[in-house]
Every structure is written in C-alpha cells, then in structure tokens.
C-alpha cells in the first residue's frame, strides 16, 4: 500500500513526513493545478497556432543562448512554425 493510499491525500502525507505547513501549502496548491484539467471544457474552442513574435522569442532565448545565437534560433523556430501542419506524420517518423 502506498503512502497516499494509507493517508488518503497529499496534505496528510506531507504532514506525516513533518513537512512545514508553508511548504505543504505550496505542494497542495501545485497539485490542484493538475486536478483543474478535469473540469476544463474545450467545447467551442478552436485551437490555432499563431506565428512566433520574433523579438519576444529572441529575448527569451537570449537568456539561454546569448544575444547572437538567440536571433538565429528564433529564426529557426519561425521556419519550423511555417512548416508545421503542412503534412501529417506518425510517431515512428520522429524516432
């Protein structure tokens, strides 16, 4: 029997492990985010993939790659976005 089954919920498991209340609260709040997916309806939502905003993408990537390489990677993402959805592929083709 797992700890979760034995104690019934995450808060009780964390309390049993003597995790401080403030930290327990963070774990429980994070966990609730996963539960919300059960209540969200996608009915009437038409998903679409919008083009990346290159300056924003470059700014985000510059943290990881540096300014000079970030611009190149941003342009690569735009190229990938342009090709996205033009042809259907299978999972095996990505392996």
Protein backbone atom coordinates (compact mmCIF):
# COMPACT_ATOMS: atom_id res chain seq x y z
CA UNK A 1 0.00 0.00 0.00
CA UNK A 2 1.38 3.42 -0.96
CA UNK A 3 1.67 6.35 1.43
CA UNK A 4 -1.01 8.17 -0.50
CA UNK A 5 -3.42 5.27 -0.16
CA UNK A 6 -2.59 4.90 3.54
CA UNK A 7 -3.07 8.58 4.39
CA UNK A 8 -5.79 9.47 1.87
CA UNK A 9 -4.45 12.71 0.43
CA UNK A 10 -1.27 14.63 -0.31
CA UNK A 11 -1.68 17.06 2.60
CA UNK A 12 -1.82 14.17 5.07
CA UNK A 13 1.27 12.51 3.57
CA UNK A 14 3.22 15.75 3.82
CA UNK A 15 2.06 16.31 7.39
CA UNK A 16 3.13 12.78 8.33
CA UNK A 17 6.56 13.47 6.83
CA UNK A 18 6.74 16.60 9.01
CA UNK A 19 6.94 18.99 6.08
CA UNK A 20 6.41 22.58 7.33
CA UNK A 21 2.88 23.97 6.75
CA UNK A 22 4.05 26.69 4.33
CA UNK A 23 5.78 24.13 2.12
CA UNK A 24 2.81 21.75 2.37
CA UNK A 25 0.58 24.55 1.12
CA UNK A 26 2.79 25.06 -1.94
CA UNK A 27 2.71 21.35 -2.81
CA UNK A 28 -1.06 21.12 -2.39
CA UNK A 29 -1.64 24.27 -4.48
CA UNK A 30 0.61 22.93 -7.25
CA UNK A 31 -1.23 19.59 -7.20
CA UNK A 32 -4.61 21.32 -7.50
CA UNK A 33 -3.48 22.69 -10.86
CA UNK A 34 -3.49 19.16 -12.25
CA UNK A 35 -6.97 18.48 -10.86
CA UNK A 36 -8.38 21.54 -12.64
CA UNK A 37 -7.81 19.90 -16.02
CA UNK A 38 -10.68 17.53 -15.21
CA UNK A 39 -13.09 20.49 -15.06
CA UNK A 40 -11.96 22.49 -18.08
CA UNK A 41 -14.10 22.12 -21.17
CA UNK A 42 -12.60 22.52 -24.62
CA UNK A 43 -16.03 22.67 -26.24
CA UNK A 44 -16.30 25.57 -28.66
CA UNK A 45 -12.57 26.28 -28.60
CA UNK A 46 -10.88 26.33 -31.97
CA UNK A 47 -7.17 25.83 -31.36
CA UNK A 48 -4.76 27.67 -33.60
CA UNK A 49 -1.03 28.08 -33.69
CA UNK A 50 -0.05 31.70 -34.13
CA UNK A 51 3.25 32.80 -35.58
CA UNK A 52 6.02 33.40 -33.05
CA UNK A 53 6.77 37.03 -32.26
CA UNK A 54 10.44 37.07 -33.19
CA UNK A 55 11.65 39.89 -30.91
CA UNK A 56 9.96 38.32 -27.87
CA UNK A 57 11.24 34.88 -28.75
CA UNK A 58 14.75 36.27 -29.25
CA UNK A 59 14.61 37.98 -25.86
CA UNK A 60 13.52 34.73 -24.16
CA UNK A 61 16.16 32.66 -25.92
CA UNK A 62 18.94 35.15 -25.21
CA UNK A 63 18.90 34.08 -21.56
CA UNK A 64 19.95 30.60 -22.63
CA UNK A 65 21.90 31.15 -25.84
CA UNK A 66 23.19 34.72 -25.61
CA UNK A 67 22.13 37.56 -27.89
CA UNK A 68 23.90 36.50 -31.09
CA UNK A 69 22.75 32.86 -31.11
CA UNK A 70 19.25 33.68 -29.85
CA UNK A 71 18.38 35.51 -33.06
CA UNK A 72 19.46 32.53 -35.16
CA UNK A 73 17.44 30.10 -33.06
CA UNK A 74 14.39 32.37 -33.19
CA UNK A 75 14.56 32.35 -36.99
CA UNK A 76 14.80 28.53 -36.92
CA UNK A 77 11.64 28.39 -34.80
CA UNK A 78 9.83 30.60 -37.30
CA UNK A 79 10.87 28.22 -40.08
CA UNK A 80 9.59 25.25 -38.09
CA UNK A 81 6.33 27.09 -37.44
CA UNK A 82 5.86 27.76 -41.16
CA UNK A 83 6.26 24.06 -41.94
CA UNK A 84 4.08 22.89 -39.06
CA UNK A 85 0.89 21.22 -40.12
CA UNK A 86 1.69 21.04 -43.82
CA UNK A 87 1.96 17.28 -43.66
CA UNK A 88 0.82 14.65 -41.25
CA UNK A 89 3.43 12.42 -39.67
CA UNK A 90 3.44 9.40 -37.43
CA UNK A 91 5.14 8.96 -34.09
CA UNK A 92 7.53 6.48 -35.68
CA UNK A 93 8.84 9.12 -38.06
CA UNK A 94 10.19 11.10 -35.07
CA UNK A 95 12.15 8.16 -33.68
